[in-house]
Amino acid sequence: MTPVIRVLREDWADPDVALPEYATAGAAGADIRANLRPEDRAGGIVIAPMARIIVPSGLRVEIPEGFEIQLRPRSGLALKHGISLPNTPGTIDSDYRGPLGILLVNLGAEPFTVVHGERVAQMIVAPVVQARFALAGALAGTVRGAGGFGSTGRG
Protein backbone atom coordinates (compact mmCIF):
# COMPACT_ATOMS: atom_id res chain seq x y z
CA MET A 1 0.00 0.00 0.00
CA THR A 2 1.32 3.43 -0.95
CA PRO A 3 0.97 5.85 1.97
CA VAL A 4 -0.78 9.15 1.31
CA ILE A 5 0.67 12.24 2.97
CA ARG A 6 -2.09 14.79 3.39
CA VAL A 7 -0.78 18.34 3.01
CA LEU A 8 -2.21 21.63 4.25
CA ARG A 9 -0.81 25.01 3.20
CA GLU A 10 -0.34 27.71 5.81
CA ASP A 11 -2.61 30.75 5.30
CA TRP A 12 0.36 32.94 4.35
CA ALA A 13 2.00 30.38 2.02
CA ASP A 14 2.42 31.05 -1.69
CA PRO A 15 0.16 28.57 -3.54
CA ASP A 16 2.40 28.81 -6.61
CA VAL A 17 5.22 26.98 -4.80
CA ALA A 18 4.95 23.31 -5.76
CA LEU A 19 4.11 20.65 -3.21
CA PRO A 20 6.85 18.09 -2.49
CA GLU A 21 7.46 16.03 -5.60
CA TYR A 22 9.75 13.33 -6.92
CA ALA A 23 12.09 14.62 -9.63
CA THR A 24 12.41 11.24 -11.38
CA ALA A 25 10.57 7.92 -11.43
CA GLY A 26 13.35 6.28 -9.42
CA ALA A 27 13.81 9.04 -6.84
CA ALA A 28 13.67 7.93 -3.19
CA GLY A 29 13.22 11.47 -1.91
CA ALA A 30 10.62 14.07 -2.82
CA ASP A 31 12.08 17.56 -3.13
CA ILE A 32 10.66 20.09 -0.69
CA ARG A 33 10.83 23.79 -1.47
CA ALA A 34 11.33 26.96 0.53
CA ASN A 35 8.02 28.80 0.78
CA LEU A 36 9.19 32.04 2.30
CA ARG A 37 7.00 34.44 4.21
CA PRO A 38 5.82 37.40 2.09
CA GLU A 39 8.32 39.82 3.65
CA ASP A 40 11.27 37.51 2.74
CA ARG A 41 10.28 36.49 -0.80
CA ALA A 42 11.98 39.29 -2.75
CA GLY A 43 15.39 39.09 -1.09
CA GLY A 44 15.45 35.51 0.15
CA ILE A 45 16.98 34.44 3.46
CA VAL A 46 20.75 34.62 3.90
CA ILE A 47 22.54 31.90 5.86
CA ALA A 48 25.94 33.09 7.06
CA PRO A 49 28.81 30.57 7.18
CA MET A 50 28.35 28.18 10.14
CA ALA A 51 24.91 29.64 10.89
CA ARG A 52 21.68 27.65 11.18
CA ILE A 53 18.17 28.74 10.23
CA ILE A 54 14.74 27.22 9.89
CA VAL A 55 13.43 27.69 6.37
CA PRO A 56 9.64 27.62 6.16
CA SER A 57 7.94 25.22 3.78
CA GLY A 58 4.51 26.80 4.23
CA LEU A 59 3.16 23.30 4.83
CA ARG A 60 1.72 21.10 7.54
CA VAL A 61 1.47 17.37 6.95
CA GLU A 62 -0.59 14.42 8.13
CA ILE A 63 1.54 11.29 8.04
CA PRO A 64 -0.24 7.94 8.37
CA GLU A 65 0.39 6.04 11.60
CA GLY A 66 3.25 3.60 11.15
CA PHE A 67 5.25 6.00 8.94
CA GLU A 68 7.60 8.94 9.36
CA ILE A 69 9.08 11.56 7.07
CA GLN A 70 12.84 11.94 7.10
CA LEU A 71 14.33 15.23 5.89
CA ARG A 72 17.72 14.93 4.22
CA PRO A 73 20.10 17.32 2.47
CA ARG A 74 20.14 17.81 -1.28
CA SER A 75 23.49 16.63 -2.59
CA GLY A 76 23.92 19.51 -5.06
CA LEU A 77 23.49 22.17 -2.36
CA ALA A 78 25.86 20.27 -0.09
CA LEU A 79 28.57 19.90 -2.74
CA LYS A 80 28.35 23.35 -4.31
CA HIS A 81 27.58 25.49 -1.25
CA GLY A 82 28.07 23.43 1.93
CA ILE A 83 24.33 23.56 2.75
CA SER A 84 23.19 20.65 4.89
CA LEU A 85 20.81 19.69 7.67
CA PRO A 86 22.50 19.65 11.08
CA ASN A 87 20.22 16.91 12.39
CA THR A 88 20.18 14.76 9.29
CA PRO A 89 18.04 12.90 8.90
CA GLY A 90 15.46 15.07 10.59
CA THR A 91 12.40 13.10 11.64
CA ILE A 92 8.78 14.22 11.39
CA ASP A 93 6.59 11.94 13.48
CA SER A 94 3.14 10.78 12.40
CA ASP A 95 1.46 12.61 15.30
CA TYR A 96 3.04 16.03 14.55
CA ARG A 97 0.72 18.58 12.95
CA GLY A 98 2.68 21.82 13.31
CA PRO A 99 4.46 23.89 10.66
CA LEU A 100 7.03 21.99 8.62
CA GLY A 101 10.32 23.87 8.85
CA ILE A 102 13.60 22.77 7.31
CA LEU A 103 16.60 23.27 9.58
CA LEU A 104 19.57 24.21 7.37
CA VAL A 105 23.21 24.88 8.21
CA ASN A 106 25.78 26.62 6.01
CA LEU A 107 29.04 24.67 6.31
CA GLY A 108 30.50 26.64 3.41
CA ALA A 109 32.85 29.61 3.48
CA GLU A 110 30.44 32.09 1.86
CA PRO A 111 26.97 33.34 2.79
CA PHE A 112 24.20 31.47 0.97
CA THR A 113 20.84 32.95 0.01
CA VAL A 114 17.80 30.67 0.11
CA VAL A 115 15.51 31.78 -2.72
CA HIS A 116 11.72 31.59 -2.58
CA GLY A 117 10.55 28.36 -4.23
CA GLU A 118 14.02 26.76 -4.21
CA ARG A 119 14.36 23.03 -3.53
CA VAL A 120 16.15 22.91 -0.16
CA ALA A 121 15.81 19.33 1.12
CA GLN A 122 14.47 15.87 0.34
CA MET A 123 11.62 14.09 2.09
CA ILE A 124 11.80 10.32 2.52
CA VAL A 125 8.62 8.54 3.64
CA ALA A 126 9.62 5.49 5.67
CA PRO A 127 7.91 2.83 7.77
CA VAL A 128 8.44 2.95 11.53
CA VAL A 129 8.82 0.01 13.89
CA GLN A 130 8.51 0.77 17.58
CA ALA A 131 10.53 -1.63 19.72
CA ARG A 132 10.09 -2.62 23.34
CA PHE A 133 13.03 -2.11 25.67
CA ALA A 134 13.81 -4.65 28.38
CA LEU A 135 16.45 -4.42 31.06
CA ALA A 136 18.93 -7.32 30.82
CA GLY A 137 21.49 -8.71 33.21
CA ALA A 138 23.94 -9.41 30.35
CA LEU A 139 24.15 -9.11 26.57
CA ALA A 140 24.92 -11.88 24.08
CA GLY A 141 28.52 -11.88 22.87
CA THR A 142 29.63 -11.13 19.30
CA VAL A 143 32.92 -11.19 17.40
CA ARG A 144 33.06 -7.40 17.51
CA GLY A 145 32.15 -7.19 21.19
CA ALA A 146 32.46 -3.72 22.70
CA GLY A 147 34.66 -2.36 19.89
CA GLY A 148 33.46 1.14 19.08
CA PHE A 149 34.38 3.88 16.63
CA GLY A 150 37.05 2.66 14.22
CA SER A 151 37.36 -0.76 15.83
CA THR A 152 36.92 -2.66 12.56
CA GLY A 153 39.93 -0.96 10.99
CA ARG A 154 40.45 1.10 7.89
CA GLY A 155 40.17 0.22 4.23
C-alpha atoms as a PDB file:
ATOM      1  CA  MET A   1       0.000   0.000   0.000  1.00  0.00           C
ATOM      2  CA  THR A   2       1.318   3.428  -0.945  1.00  0.00           C
ATOM      3  CA  PRO A   3       0.969   5.851   1.967  1.00  0.00           C
ATOM      4  CA  VAL A   4      -0.781   9.148   1.313  1.00  0.00           C
ATOM      5  CA  ILE A   5       0.670  12.242   2.969  1.00  0.00           C
ATOM      6  CA  ARG A   6      -2.092  14.787   3.390  1.00  0.00           C
ATOM      7  CA  VAL A   7      -0.779  18.339   3.014  1.00  0.00           C
ATOM      8  CA  LEU A   8      -2.213  21.630   4.253  1.00  0.00           C
ATOM      9  CA  ARG A   9      -0.814  25.011   3.196  1.00  0.00           C
ATOM     10  CA  GLU A  10      -0.339  27.715   5.809  1.00  0.00           C
ATOM     11  CA  ASP A  11      -2.606  30.747   5.305  1.00  0.00           C
ATOM     12  CA  TRP A  12       0.358  32.944   4.349  1.00  0.00           C
ATOM     13  CA  ALA A  13       2.005  30.378   2.023  1.00  0.00           C
ATOM     14  CA  ASP A  14       2.417  31.046  -1.691  1.00  0.00           C
ATOM     15  CA  PRO A  15       0.158  28.567  -3.540  1.00  0.00           C
ATOM     16  CA  ASP A  16       2.396  28.811  -6.611  1.00  0.00           C
ATOM     17  CA  VAL A  17       5.222  26.981  -4.803  1.00  0.00           C
ATOM     18  CA  ALA A  18       4.953  23.312  -5.762  1.00  0.00           C
ATOM     19  CA  LEU A  19       4.109  20.652  -3.207  1.00  0.00           C
ATOM     20  CA  PRO A  20       6.847  18.091  -2.489  1.00  0.00           C
ATOM     21  CA  GLU A  21       7.459  16.029  -5.600  1.00  0.00           C
ATOM     22  CA  TYR A  22       9.753  13.326  -6.915  1.00  0.00           C
ATOM     23  CA  ALA A  23      12.095  14.621  -9.633  1.00  0.00           C
ATOM     24  CA  THR A  24      12.410  11.241 -11.383  1.00  0.00           C
ATOM     25  CA  ALA A  25      10.568   7.925 -11.434  1.00  0.00           C
ATOM     26  CA  GLY A  26      13.355   6.284  -9.425  1.00  0.00           C
ATOM     27  CA  ALA A  27      13.814   9.037  -6.837  1.00  0.00           C
ATOM     28  CA  ALA A  28      13.669   7.926  -3.194  1.00  0.00           C
ATOM     29  CA  GLY A  29      13.216  11.472  -1.908  1.00  0.00           C
ATOM     30  CA  ALA A  30      10.625  14.069  -2.819  1.00  0.00           C
ATOM     31  CA  ASP A  31      12.084  17.558  -3.128  1.00  0.00           C
ATOM     32  CA  ILE A  32      10.656  20.093  -0.685  1.00  0.00           C
ATOM     33  CA  ARG A  33      10.831  23.789  -1.465  1.00  0.00           C
ATOM     34  CA  ALA A  34      11.330  26.957   0.533  1.00  0.00           C
ATOM     35  CA  ASN A  35       8.023  28.799   0.783  1.00  0.00           C
ATOM     36  CA  LEU A  36       9.192  32.042   2.304  1.00  0.00           C
ATOM     37  CA  ARG A  37       6.997  34.443   4.208  1.00  0.00           C
ATOM     38  CA  PRO A  38       5.815  37.398   2.088  1.00  0.00           C
ATOM     39  CA  GLU A  39       8.323  39.823   3.646  1.00  0.00           C
ATOM     40  CA  ASP A  40      11.266  37.507   2.742  1.00  0.00           C
ATOM     41  CA  ARG A  41      10.277  36.490  -0.796  1.00  0.00           C
ATOM     42  CA  ALA A  42      11.978  39.286  -2.747  1.00  0.00           C
ATOM     43  CA  GLY A  43      15.395  39.089  -1.093  1.00  0.00           C
ATOM     44  CA  GLY A  44      15.451  35.513   0.155  1.00  0.00           C
ATOM     45  CA  ILE A  45      16.976  34.441   3.456  1.00  0.00           C
ATOM     46  CA  VAL A  46      20.754  34.625   3.896  1.00  0.00           C
ATOM     47  CA  ILE A  47      22.539  31.904   5.857  1.00  0.00           C
ATOM     48  CA  ALA A  48      25.941  33.094   7.061  1.00  0.00           C
ATOM     49  CA  PRO A  49      28.813  30.573   7.182  1.00  0.00           C
ATOM     50  CA  MET A  50      28.354  28.182  10.141  1.00  0.00           C
ATOM     51  CA  ALA A  51      24.907  29.635  10.889  1.00  0.00           C
ATOM     52  CA  ARG A  52      21.676  27.653  11.183  1.00  0.00           C
ATOM     53  CA  ILE A  53      18.173  28.745  10.226  1.00  0.00           C
ATOM     54  CA  ILE A  54      14.739  27.219   9.888  1.00  0.00           C
ATOM     55  CA  VAL A  55      13.435  27.687   6.367  1.00  0.00           C
ATOM     56  CA  PRO A  56       9.641  27.624   6.165  1.00  0.00           C
ATOM     57  CA  SER A  57       7.940  25.219   3.780  1.00  0.00           C
ATOM     58  CA  GLY A  58       4.514  26.798   4.226  1.00  0.00           C
ATOM     59  CA  LEU A  59       3.156  23.296   4.825  1.00  0.00           C
ATOM     60  CA  ARG A  60       1.716  21.103   7.539  1.00  0.00           C
ATOM     61  CA  VAL A  61       1.465  17.367   6.953  1.00  0.00           C
ATOM     62  CA  GLU A  62      -0.592  14.423   8.134  1.00  0.00           C
ATOM     63  CA  ILE A  63       1.542  11.295   8.041  1.00  0.00           C
ATOM     64  CA  PRO A  64      -0.241   7.941   8.369  1.00  0.00           C
ATOM     65  CA  GLU A  65       0.388   6.044  11.601  1.00  0.00           C
ATOM     66  CA  GLY A  66       3.250   3.598  11.152  1.00  0.00           C
ATOM     67  CA  PHE A  67       5.251   5.995   8.938  1.00  0.00           C
ATOM     68  CA  GLU A  68       7.600   8.940   9.360  1.00  0.00           C
ATOM     69  CA  ILE A  69       9.077  11.559   7.074  1.00  0.00           C
ATOM     70  CA  GLN A  70      12.844  11.944   7.097  1.00  0.00           C
ATOM     71  CA  LEU A  71      14.333  15.228   5.890  1.00  0.00           C
ATOM     72  CA  ARG A  72      17.719  14.927   4.221  1.00  0.00           C
ATOM     73  CA  PRO A  73      20.097  17.320   2.468  1.00  0.00           C
ATOM     74  CA  ARG A  74      20.137  17.810  -1.276  1.00  0.00           C
ATOM     75  CA  SER A  75      23.490  16.631  -2.585  1.00  0.00           C
ATOM     76  CA  GLY A  76      23.917  19.506  -5.059  1.00  0.00           C
ATOM     77  CA  LEU A  77      23.485  22.169  -2.356  1.00  0.00           C
ATOM     78  CA  ALA A  78      25.856  20.266  -0.090  1.00  0.00           C
ATOM     79  CA  LEU A  79      28.568  19.902  -2.739  1.00  0.00           C
ATOM     80  CA  LYS A  80      28.350  23.348  -4.306  1.00  0.00           C
ATOM     81  CA  HIS A  81      27.579  25.490  -1.250  1.00  0.00           C
ATOM     82  CA  GLY A  82      28.066  23.427   1.927  1.00  0.00           C
ATOM     83  CA  ILE A  83      24.330  23.559   2.747  1.00  0.00           C
ATOM     84  CA  SER A  84      23.192  20.655   4.892  1.00  0.00           C
ATOM     85  CA  LEU A  85      20.808  19.691   7.666  1.00  0.00           C
ATOM     86  CA  PRO A  86      22.505  19.655  11.079  1.00  0.00           C
ATOM     87  CA  ASN A  87      20.223  16.908  12.391  1.00  0.00           C
ATOM     88  CA  THR A  88      20.178  14.761   9.292  1.00  0.00           C
ATOM     89  CA  PRO A  89      18.040  12.901   8.896  1.00  0.00           C
ATOM     90  CA  GLY A  90      15.455  15.068  10.586  1.00  0.00           C
ATOM     91  CA  THR A  91      12.397  13.096  11.637  1.00  0.00           C
ATOM     92  CA  ILE A  92       8.781  14.216  11.389  1.00  0.00           C
ATOM     93  CA  ASP A  93       6.590  11.940  13.480  1.00  0.00           C
ATOM     94  CA  SER A  94       3.140  10.777  12.404  1.00  0.00           C
ATOM     95  CA  ASP A  95       1.464  12.607  15.304  1.00  0.00           C
ATOM     96  CA  TYR A  96       3.040  16.031  14.552  1.00  0.00           C
ATOM     97  CA  ARG A  97       0.719  18.580  12.953  1.00  0.00           C
ATOM     98  CA  GLY A  98       2.684  21.820  13.311  1.00  0.00           C
ATOM     99  CA  PRO A  99       4.464  23.887  10.662  1.00  0.00           C
ATOM    100  CA  LEU A 100       7.027  21.987   8.623  1.00  0.00           C
ATOM    101  CA  GLY A 101      10.316  23.874   8.851  1.00  0.00           C
ATOM    102  CA  ILE A 102      13.595  22.774   7.307  1.00  0.00           C
ATOM    103  CA  LEU A 103      16.597  23.267   9.576  1.00  0.00           C
ATOM    104  CA  LEU A 104      19.566  24.208   7.371  1.00  0.00           C
ATOM    105  CA  VAL A 105      23.208  24.880   8.207  1.00  0.00           C
ATOM    106  CA  ASN A 106      25.777  26.618   6.010  1.00  0.00           C
ATOM    107  CA  LEU A 107      29.040  24.672   6.309  1.00  0.00           C
ATOM    108  CA  GLY A 108      30.500  26.639   3.413  1.00  0.00           C
ATOM    109  CA  ALA A 109      32.854  29.606   3.480  1.00  0.00           C
ATOM    110  CA  GLU A 110      30.443  32.091   1.862  1.00  0.00           C
ATOM    111  CA  PRO A 111      26.967  33.343   2.795  1.00  0.00           C
ATOM    112  CA  PHE A 112      24.199  31.472   0.972  1.00  0.00           C
ATOM    113  CA  THR A 113      20.837  32.950   0.008  1.00  0.00           C
ATOM    114  CA  VAL A 114      17.796  30.669   0.108  1.00  0.00           C
ATOM    115  CA  VAL A 115      15.513  31.777  -2.723  1.00  0.00           C
ATOM    116  CA  HIS A 116      11.723  31.591  -2.576  1.00  0.00           C
ATOM    117  CA  GLY A 117      10.548  28.359  -4.226  1.00  0.00           C
ATOM    118  CA  GLU A 118      14.022  26.764  -4.213  1.00  0.00           C
ATOM    119  CA  ARG A 119      14.364  23.032  -3.531  1.00  0.00           C
ATOM    120  CA  VAL A 120      16.154  22.913  -0.164  1.00  0.00           C
ATOM    121  CA  ALA A 121      15.805  19.328   1.118  1.00  0.00           C
ATOM    122  CA  GLN A 122      14.470  15.869   0.338  1.00  0.00           C
ATOM    123  CA  MET A 123      11.615  14.086   2.095  1.00  0.00           C
ATOM    124  CA  ILE A 124      11.797  10.325   2.523  1.00  0.00           C
ATOM    125  CA  VAL A 125       8.622   8.543   3.643  1.00  0.00           C
ATOM    126  CA  ALA A 126       9.624   5.491   5.674  1.00  0.00           C
ATOM    127  CA  PRO A 127       7.913   2.825   7.774  1.00  0.00           C
ATOM    128  CA  VAL A 128       8.438   2.946  11.530  1.00  0.00           C
ATOM    129  CA  VAL A 129       8.824   0.012  13.888  1.00  0.00           C
ATOM    130  CA  GLN A 130       8.506   0.769  17.581  1.00  0.00           C
ATOM    131  CA  ALA A 131      10.525  -1.631  19.724  1.00  0.00           C
ATOM    132  CA  ARG A 132      10.093  -2.623  23.342  1.00  0.00           C
ATOM    133  CA  PHE A 133      13.027  -2.113  25.671  1.00  0.00           C
ATOM    134  CA  ALA A 134      13.814  -4.646  28.378  1.00  0.00           C
ATOM    135  CA  LEU A 135      16.451  -4.424  31.061  1.00  0.00           C
ATOM    136  CA  ALA A 136      18.925  -7.322  30.817  1.00  0.00           C
ATOM    137  CA  GLY A 137      21.494  -8.706  33.208  1.00  0.00           C
ATOM    138  CA  ALA A 138      23.941  -9.410  30.350  1.00  0.00           C
ATOM    139  CA  LEU A 139      24.153  -9.108  26.574  1.00  0.00           C
ATOM    140  CA  ALA A 140      24.924 -11.878  24.080  1.00  0.00           C
ATOM    141  CA  GLY A 141      28.518 -11.879  22.873  1.00  0.00           C
ATOM    142  CA  THR A 142      29.634 -11.129  19.301  1.00  0.00           C
ATOM    143  CA  VAL A 143      32.922 -11.195  17.397  1.00  0.00           C
ATOM    144  CA  ARG A 144      33.056  -7.403  17.511  1.00  0.00           C
ATOM    145  CA  GLY A 145      32.147  -7.185  21.188  1.00  0.00           C
ATOM    146  CA  ALA A 146      32.462  -3.723  22.696  1.00  0.00           C
ATOM    147  CA  GLY A 147      34.656  -2.357  19.887  1.00  0.00           C
ATOM    148  CA  GLY A 148      33.459   1.136  19.077  1.00  0.00           C
ATOM    149  CA  PHE A 149      34.382   3.875  16.626  1.00  0.00           C
ATOM    150  CA  GLY A 150      37.054   2.659  14.216  1.00  0.00           C
ATOM    151  CA  SER A 151      37.364  -0.759  15.830  1.00  0.00           C
ATOM    152  CA  THR A 152      36.915  -2.659  12.561  1.00  0.00           C
ATOM    153  CA  GLY A 153      39.926  -0.955  10.993  1.00  0.00           C
ATOM    154  CA  ARG A 154      40.453   1.101   7.893  1.00  0.00           C
ATOM    155  CA  GLY A 155      40.174   0.219   4.226  1.00  0.00           C
END
